[in-house]
Amino acid sequence: MNFDQTFKNRRVLVTGDTGFKGAWLCEWLLAEGAEVHGIGLEPNTKPSLFEQLNLAEHIQHTDLDIRDAAALRDYIHGLRPEIVFHLAAQPLVRLSYQQPAETYATNVMGTVHLLDAIRTLNAPGAGIHFPVAVVCVTTDKCYENKEWLHGYREEDPLGGHDPYSASKGACEIAIQSYRKSFFTEPAECGIALASARAGNVIGGGDWAQDRIVPDCISALRDGKMIPVRNKTATRPWQHVLEPLGGYLLLAAELWRGLAGLPRLQANFPYTELCSAFNFGPNLQSNRPVGALVGEVLKHWSGDWCDQSDPHAPHEASLLNLATDKAHHMLGWSPRWDFEQTIEKTIGWYRLVEADSEQAAILTSQQIEQYNS
């Protein structure tokens, strides 16, 4: 992907840098020559990709909880980031049933705290305006899921059955409110705000509980059968680099417009970029969980067992995204198909299992392969 050196020497903030997607994004930004700053909580998995990539030595990380509005505001005002990727979240559906209040506090109010801190950067009387491009990452689960066969479009109604999904729908409403209330004229306020909705991302270095690929790897490493909760549930599987490439393209366009630089894609009015975008895989990659497990077992021998529970908390069975908008406005399209995605993902885990020192090298190699 060509970002025309948009990120080179820019102060870029990644919230949730200690998470799976955040760590991959930091590594990519470093490769683009960005001055990367990150905030987040201590990694909550052992191992963690953040530590495997030794990112604490390569970016400027600060331990900070986005639920602390005052601390976040002070940090943002001190840093004055030029580009912000907001990924910090409580990202697990099943955990949201156990911790609903914490999920809403992080996903909704944490986002509000961030946007308000950015709003006051360029508030009247604050002095010189500094351009800030902001991409807030939510999820495909922010939609009111009616189990449709066709993909959801950005203008479809928001909703959510479980606390996680509902919190992300509410997050999108908050983002839209700030955009309409405070950032309607990016050229005047100096702030451009968009949101990004992605599907089920997989890739090397995800060690979270209650996600199917980490569950597969954990079982295969221990010589156990892979526990599968819902083999028929269909998901839009995509490699983590797919949506990250979309976030980077979106941020680059937002920043270039604010900075008065030629845009990478100039087919649409700039203000239309300040909106929501879907980043999902091709329809061919919408597969049942059982198909994903079967593909994993082609690369790492083992077996699986059905552990479906009729009394388990509700999880959506079918969810697809339409990505026409990202294709036409950003020139973004998925690059790796379902089989490539599984091959790259399991290949990462197998090599790192044999030699843990390979994590950073392999991550950089896969970014280069994706870009080529």
Protein backbone atom coordinates (compact mmCIF):
# COMPACT_ATOMS: atom_id res chain seq x y z
CA MET A 1 0.00 0.00 0.00
CA ASN A 2 1.21 3.48 -0.82
CA PHE A 3 0.62 6.15 1.81
CA ASP A 4 2.95 8.63 0.05
CA GLN A 5 5.01 9.01 3.27
CA THR A 6 2.01 10.48 5.08
CA PHE A 7 3.08 8.97 8.41
CA LYS A 8 6.79 9.66 8.16
CA ASN A 9 7.92 11.70 11.20
CA ARG A 10 4.30 12.33 12.25
CA ARG A 11 3.30 12.14 15.92
CA VAL A 12 0.89 9.22 15.81
CA LEU A 13 -1.05 8.05 18.85
CA VAL A 14 -2.39 4.50 19.12
CA THR A 15 -4.75 3.89 22.02
CA GLY A 16 -4.84 0.23 23.02
CA ASP A 17 -1.27 -0.28 21.83
CA THR A 18 -0.81 -3.25 24.17
CA GLY A 19 -3.62 -5.17 22.48
CA PHE A 20 -3.43 -7.56 19.53
CA LYS A 21 -4.51 -5.13 16.79
CA GLY A 22 -2.77 -2.21 18.46
CA ALA A 23 0.57 -4.00 18.50
CA TRP A 24 0.32 -4.93 14.80
CA LEU A 25 -0.60 -1.33 13.98
CA CYS A 26 2.35 0.06 15.96
CA GLU A 27 4.72 -2.25 14.10
CA TRP A 28 3.33 -1.12 10.74
CA LEU A 29 3.54 2.57 11.70
CA LEU A 30 7.17 2.11 12.74
CA ALA A 31 7.86 0.65 9.30
CA GLU A 32 6.28 3.80 7.81
CA GLY A 33 8.67 6.00 9.77
CA ALA A 34 6.12 7.39 12.21
CA GLU A 35 6.92 8.72 15.68
CA VAL A 36 4.66 6.27 17.49
CA HIS A 37 3.12 6.99 20.88
CA GLY A 38 0.85 4.52 22.62
CA ILE A 39 -1.40 4.37 25.65
CA GLY A 40 -3.03 1.34 27.18
CA LEU A 41 -3.25 -0.99 30.13
CA GLU A 42 -0.71 -3.65 30.99
CA PRO A 43 -1.03 -6.60 28.59
CA ASN A 44 -3.57 -9.03 30.04
CA THR A 45 -2.30 -12.17 28.32
CA LYS A 46 0.84 -14.25 28.68
CA PRO A 47 2.44 -14.14 26.23
CA SER A 48 1.40 -10.83 24.67
CA LEU A 49 2.24 -9.58 21.19
CA PHE A 50 3.24 -6.19 22.62
CA GLU A 51 5.98 -7.89 24.62
CA GLN A 52 6.90 -10.37 21.88
CA LEU A 53 7.55 -7.43 19.53
CA ASN A 54 9.45 -5.58 22.28
CA LEU A 55 7.42 -2.49 21.43
CA ALA A 56 8.22 -0.77 24.73
CA GLU A 57 11.73 -0.28 23.33
CA HIS A 58 10.56 1.11 19.99
CA ILE A 59 7.59 3.37 20.74
CA GLN A 60 6.82 5.85 23.49
CA HIS A 61 4.31 3.95 25.61
CA THR A 62 2.39 5.30 28.61
CA ASP A 63 0.27 3.23 30.98
CA LEU A 64 -3.09 5.04 30.95
CA ASP A 65 -6.71 4.03 31.42
CA ILE A 66 -9.05 5.84 29.02
CA ARG A 67 -11.75 5.77 31.70
CA ASP A 68 -9.68 8.41 33.55
CA ALA A 69 -10.91 11.53 31.74
CA ALA A 70 -8.60 14.02 33.47
CA ALA A 71 -5.45 11.96 32.96
CA LEU A 72 -6.34 11.33 29.32
CA ARG A 73 -7.01 15.02 28.67
CA ASP A 74 -3.69 16.02 30.23
CA TYR A 75 -1.88 13.41 28.14
CA ILE A 76 -3.54 14.47 24.86
CA HIS A 77 -2.89 18.16 25.52
CA GLY A 78 0.73 17.44 26.36
CA LEU A 79 1.36 15.25 23.32
CA ARG A 80 -0.70 17.12 20.71
CA PRO A 81 -0.88 14.14 18.34
CA GLU A 82 -1.24 14.74 14.63
CA ILE A 83 -2.93 11.42 13.89
CA VAL A 84 -4.91 9.28 16.34
CA PHE A 85 -5.98 5.65 16.02
CA HIS A 86 -8.40 4.80 18.81
CA LEU A 87 -8.38 1.04 19.40
CA ALA A 88 -8.54 0.86 23.23
CA ALA A 89 -11.59 -1.20 24.19
CA GLN A 90 -13.02 -4.15 26.06
CA PRO A 91 -13.22 -6.36 22.93
CA LEU A 92 -14.79 -9.65 24.04
CA VAL A 93 -18.48 -10.56 23.71
CA ARG A 94 -18.55 -13.23 26.41
CA LEU A 95 -16.62 -11.08 28.89
CA SER A 96 -19.15 -8.29 28.35
CA TYR A 97 -21.83 -10.53 29.87
CA GLN A 98 -19.67 -10.88 32.98
CA GLN A 99 -18.59 -7.23 33.12
CA PRO A 100 -21.29 -5.15 31.40
CA ALA A 101 -20.72 -1.91 33.33
CA GLU A 102 -16.96 -2.03 32.77
CA THR A 103 -17.56 -2.73 29.07
CA TYR A 104 -19.78 0.33 28.65
CA ALA A 105 -17.43 2.48 30.72
CA THR A 106 -14.45 1.59 28.54
CA ASN A 107 -16.07 1.41 25.12
CA VAL A 108 -18.49 4.32 25.34
CA MET A 109 -17.20 6.74 27.95
CA GLY A 110 -13.56 5.99 27.15
CA THR A 111 -14.25 7.09 23.58
CA VAL A 112 -16.13 10.17 24.78
CA HIS A 113 -13.18 11.08 27.03
CA LEU A 114 -10.80 10.82 24.08
CA LEU A 115 -12.98 12.88 21.73
CA ASP A 116 -13.53 15.55 24.36
CA ALA A 117 -9.80 15.80 25.03
CA ILE A 118 -9.22 16.25 21.28
CA ARG A 119 -12.12 18.74 21.01
CA THR A 120 -10.54 21.01 23.62
CA LEU A 121 -7.18 20.97 21.84
CA ASN A 122 -8.50 23.40 19.26
CA ALA A 123 -11.28 25.00 21.27
CA PRO A 124 -11.83 28.76 20.89
CA GLY A 125 -9.19 30.56 22.93
CA ALA A 126 -6.90 27.52 23.00
CA GLY A 127 -4.39 29.25 20.72
CA ILE A 128 -3.05 28.02 17.38
CA HIS A 129 -5.07 25.25 15.76
CA PHE A 130 -3.20 21.98 15.19
CA PRO A 131 -4.62 19.59 12.59
CA VAL A 132 -5.63 16.25 14.06
CA ALA A 133 -6.91 13.28 12.04
CA VAL A 134 -8.81 10.76 14.18
CA VAL A 135 -9.89 7.22 13.28
CA CYS A 136 -12.02 5.54 15.94
CA VAL A 137 -12.18 1.76 15.55
CA THR A 138 -15.41 0.02 16.54
CA THR A 139 -16.70 -3.29 15.11
CA ASP A 140 -19.06 -4.93 12.65
CA LYS A 141 -21.12 -5.94 15.69
CA CYS A 142 -22.28 -2.34 16.14
CA TYR A 143 -25.15 -3.03 13.70
CA GLU A 144 -28.63 -4.16 14.69
CA ASN A 145 -28.07 -7.73 13.57
CA LYS A 146 -31.07 -9.25 11.82
CA GLU A 147 -29.10 -12.29 10.61
CA TRP A 148 -29.37 -11.07 7.00
CA LEU A 149 -27.56 -12.89 4.22
CA HIS A 150 -26.50 -9.62 2.60
CA GLY A 151 -23.85 -7.38 4.09
CA TYR A 152 -24.58 -4.41 6.33
CA ARG A 153 -23.88 -0.97 4.94
CA GLU A 154 -22.63 2.02 6.88
CA GLU A 155 -26.07 3.67 6.91
CA ASP A 156 -27.88 0.62 8.35
CA PRO A 157 -29.34 0.91 11.88
CA LEU A 158 -27.04 0.46 14.86
CA GLY A 159 -27.85 -1.82 17.74
CA GLY A 160 -26.53 -4.79 19.66
CA HIS A 161 -27.88 -7.74 21.63
CA ASP A 162 -24.99 -8.38 24.02
CA PRO A 163 -23.36 -5.60 26.11
CA TYR A 164 -20.24 -5.55 23.92
CA SER A 165 -22.15 -5.08 20.67
CA ALA A 166 -24.52 -2.55 22.20
CA SER A 167 -21.61 -0.59 23.67
CA LYS A 168 -20.05 -0.36 20.21
CA GLY A 169 -23.33 0.80 18.69
CA ALA A 170 -23.53 3.48 21.39
CA CYS A 171 -19.89 4.34 20.70
CA GLU A 172 -20.70 4.96 17.04
CA ILE A 173 -23.59 7.24 18.05
CA ALA A 174 -21.25 9.22 20.32
CA ILE A 175 -18.69 9.55 17.49
CA GLN A 176 -21.40 10.75 15.11
CA SER A 177 -22.62 13.26 17.70
CA TYR A 178 -19.14 14.76 18.21
CA ARG A 179 -18.62 14.92 14.46
CA LYS A 180 -21.93 16.74 13.89
CA SER A 181 -21.70 18.95 16.96
CA PHE A 182 -18.04 19.99 16.96
CA PHE A 183 -16.17 18.78 13.87
CA THR A 184 -18.56 19.57 10.99
CA GLU A 185 -16.03 21.87 9.30
CA PRO A 186 -12.62 20.13 9.54
CA ALA A 187 -10.82 22.98 7.78
CA GLU A 188 -12.06 25.45 10.41
CA CYS A 189 -11.77 23.37 13.60
CA GLY A 190 -8.63 21.50 12.49
CA ILE A 191 -10.09 18.11 13.43
CA ALA A 192 -11.24 15.36 11.06
CA LEU A 193 -13.05 12.38 12.59
CA ALA A 194 -14.02 9.04 11.05
CA SER A 195 -14.92 5.61 12.38
CA ALA A 196 -13.93 2.16 11.13
CA ARG A 197 -15.90 -1.07 11.48
CA ALA A 198 -14.13 -4.38 10.89
CA GLY A 199 -15.08 -8.03 11.00
CA ASN A 200 -13.52 -10.95 12.83
CA VAL A 201 -9.79 -10.35 12.64
CA ILE A 202 -7.28 -13.13 13.06
CA GLY A 203 -3.51 -13.31 12.81
CA GLY A 204 -0.37 -14.26 14.66
CA GLY A 205 0.05 -12.97 18.18
CA ASP A 206 -3.56 -13.04 19.35
CA TRP A 207 -3.53 -14.73 22.75
CA ALA A 208 -6.93 -13.61 24.08
CA GLN A 209 -9.30 -16.08 25.70
CA ASP A 210 -12.65 -16.93 24.08
CA ARG A 211 -11.42 -16.35 20.54
CA ILE A 212 -11.41 -19.31 18.21
CA VAL A 213 -7.85 -19.04 16.79
CA PRO A 214 -6.15 -18.61 20.19
CA ASP A 215 -8.32 -21.49 21.44
CA CYS A 216 -7.08 -23.59 18.52
CA ILE A 217 -3.42 -22.74 19.15
CA SER A 218 -3.67 -23.35 22.90
CA ALA A 219 -5.22 -26.78 22.37
CA LEU A 220 -2.85 -27.81 19.58
CA ARG A 221 0.24 -26.77 21.59
CA ASP A 222 -0.96 -28.93 24.48
CA GLY A 223 -1.92 -31.88 22.30
CA LYS A 224 -5.61 -31.49 23.18
CA MET A 225 -8.77 -31.36 21.11
CA ILE A 226 -9.90 -27.92 20.01
CA PRO A 227 -13.11 -26.93 21.83
CA VAL A 228 -15.65 -25.47 19.39
CA ARG A 229 -18.63 -23.65 20.91
CA ASN A 230 -20.65 -22.89 17.79
CA LYS A 231 -19.45 -24.66 14.65
CA THR A 232 -22.24 -23.30 12.42
CA ALA A 233 -21.84 -19.60 13.28
CA THR A 234 -20.66 -17.73 10.17
CA ARG A 235 -18.12 -14.93 10.50
CA PRO A 236 -16.32 -12.57 8.08
CA TRP A 237 -12.79 -13.85 8.76
CA GLN A 238 -9.95 -11.53 7.74
CA HIS A 239 -6.26 -11.19 8.51
CA VAL A 240 -5.49 -8.39 10.94
CA LEU A 241 -3.49 -6.56 8.26
CA GLU A 242 -6.61 -6.14 6.10
CA PRO A 243 -8.53 -3.68 8.33
CA LEU A 244 -5.30 -2.07 9.55
CA GLY A 245 -4.47 -1.19 5.95
CA GLY A 246 -7.92 0.38 5.68
CA TYR A 247 -7.44 2.38 8.88
CA LEU A 248 -4.10 3.67 7.59
CA LEU A 249 -5.56 4.67 4.22
CA LEU A 250 -8.44 6.45 5.93
CA ALA A 251 -6.17 8.30 8.35
CA ALA A 252 -3.81 9.27 5.53
CA GLU A 253 -6.65 10.77 3.52
CA LEU A 254 -8.00 12.65 6.54
CA TRP A 255 -4.57 14.03 7.43
CA ARG A 256 -3.64 15.01 3.90
CA GLY A 257 -6.89 16.92 3.50
CA LEU A 258 -6.30 18.84 6.73
CA ALA A 259 -2.69 19.57 5.83
CA GLY A 260 -3.53 20.79 2.34
CA LEU A 261 -1.62 17.93 0.66
CA PRO A 262 -2.81 16.14 -2.49
CA ARG A 263 -5.15 13.32 -1.53
CA LEU A 264 -4.43 9.72 -2.43
CA GLN A 265 -7.97 9.35 -3.82
CA ALA A 266 -9.71 12.61 -4.75
CA ASN A 267 -12.91 11.23 -6.25
CA PHE A 268 -15.20 12.37 -3.44
CA PRO A 269 -15.66 15.55 -1.38
CA TYR A 270 -13.34 15.65 1.61
CA THR A 271 -16.15 15.97 4.15
CA GLU A 272 -17.55 12.61 3.00
CA LEU A 273 -14.41 10.97 4.39
CA CYS A 274 -15.44 12.14 7.86
CA SER A 275 -17.88 9.28 8.31
CA ALA A 276 -18.10 5.55 9.03
CA PHE A 277 -16.35 2.90 6.92
CA ASN A 278 -16.67 -0.89 6.79
CA PHE A 279 -13.56 -3.02 6.31
CA GLY A 280 -14.49 -6.64 5.75
CA PRO A 281 -13.29 -9.61 3.68
CA ASN A 282 -14.59 -10.88 0.37
CA LEU A 283 -17.81 -12.88 0.59
CA GLN A 284 -15.78 -16.05 -0.02
CA SER A 285 -14.21 -15.54 3.42
CA ASN A 286 -17.55 -15.58 5.23
CA ARG A 287 -17.24 -19.10 6.61
CA PRO A 288 -18.66 -21.11 9.51
CA VAL A 289 -16.45 -21.62 12.55
CA GLY A 290 -16.24 -25.31 11.66
CA ALA A 291 -14.72 -24.45 8.28
CA LEU A 292 -12.13 -22.23 9.91
CA VAL A 293 -11.12 -24.98 12.36
CA GLY A 294 -10.89 -27.44 9.48
CA GLU A 295 -8.57 -25.09 7.58
CA VAL A 296 -6.41 -24.61 10.69
CA LEU A 297 -6.00 -28.38 10.99
CA LYS A 298 -4.56 -28.50 7.46
CA HIS A 299 -1.53 -26.62 8.80
CA TRP A 300 -1.26 -28.07 12.32
CA SER A 301 -2.44 -31.64 12.81
CA GLY A 302 -4.94 -32.31 15.54
CA ASP A 303 -8.66 -32.73 16.15
CA TRP A 304 -11.62 -30.82 17.52
CA CYS A 305 -14.67 -31.53 19.64
CA ASP A 306 -18.12 -29.99 19.71
CA GLN A 307 -18.69 -28.11 22.96
CA SER A 308 -21.84 -26.24 21.98
CA ASP A 309 -24.00 -25.24 24.92
CA PRO A 310 -27.68 -24.39 24.33
CA HIS A 311 -27.62 -22.31 27.52
CA ALA A 312 -24.56 -20.25 26.55
CA PRO A 313 -24.94 -16.44 26.27
CA HIS A 314 -26.27 -15.25 22.91
CA GLU A 315 -23.79 -14.70 20.10
CA ALA A 316 -24.73 -13.77 16.53
CA SER A 317 -24.88 -16.63 14.02
CA LEU A 318 -24.55 -14.61 10.80
CA LEU A 319 -22.93 -11.25 10.11
CA ASN A 320 -21.52 -9.82 6.87
CA LEU A 321 -20.20 -6.41 5.85
CA ALA A 322 -20.56 -4.51 2.58
CA THR A 323 -17.31 -2.70 1.77
CA ASP A 324 -18.20 -0.83 -1.45
CA LYS A 325 -17.68 2.55 0.23
CA ALA A 326 -14.10 1.79 1.31
CA HIS A 327 -13.32 0.44 -2.16
CA HIS A 328 -14.65 3.45 -4.07
CA MET A 329 -13.58 6.23 -1.69
CA LEU A 330 -10.26 4.88 -0.41
CA GLY A 331 -9.19 2.41 -3.08
CA TRP A 332 -9.19 -0.31 -0.41
CA SER A 333 -9.92 -3.97 -1.14
CA PRO A 334 -9.04 -7.21 0.69
CA ARG A 335 -5.78 -8.76 -0.52
CA TRP A 336 -5.57 -12.17 1.17
CA ASP A 337 -8.26 -14.79 0.70
CA PHE A 338 -9.51 -17.19 3.37
CA GLU A 339 -6.88 -19.85 2.71
CA GLN A 340 -4.00 -17.34 2.66
CA THR A 341 -5.27 -15.78 5.87
CA ILE A 342 -5.24 -19.12 7.71
CA GLU A 343 -1.88 -20.07 6.20
CA LYS A 344 -0.24 -16.79 7.32
CA THR A 345 -1.84 -16.99 10.75
CA ILE A 346 -0.93 -20.58 11.59
CA GLY A 347 2.47 -20.19 9.98
CA TRP A 348 3.19 -17.32 12.39
CA TYR A 349 2.25 -19.39 15.44
CA ARG A 350 4.17 -22.48 14.31
CA LEU A 351 7.41 -20.57 13.67
CA VAL A 352 7.14 -18.60 16.91
CA GLU A 353 6.38 -21.83 18.80
CA ALA A 354 9.67 -23.22 17.50
CA ASP A 355 11.63 -20.00 18.13
CA SER A 356 10.07 -17.18 20.17
CA GLU A 357 12.71 -14.75 18.90
CA GLN A 358 11.08 -14.95 15.45
CA ALA A 359 7.95 -12.99 16.46
CA ALA A 360 9.20 -9.53 15.53
CA ILE A 361 10.95 -10.73 12.38
CA LEU A 362 7.93 -12.67 11.16
CA THR A 363 5.53 -9.82 11.92
CA SER A 364 7.64 -7.40 9.89
CA GLN A 365 7.94 -9.92 7.06
CA GLN A 366 4.18 -10.40 6.87
CA ILE A 367 3.64 -6.63 6.75
CA GLU A 368 6.10 -6.43 3.86
CA GLN A 369 4.44 -9.37 2.09
CA TYR A 370 1.02 -7.77 2.49
CA ASN A 371 2.31 -4.47 1.07
CA SER A 372 4.06 -6.02 -1.93
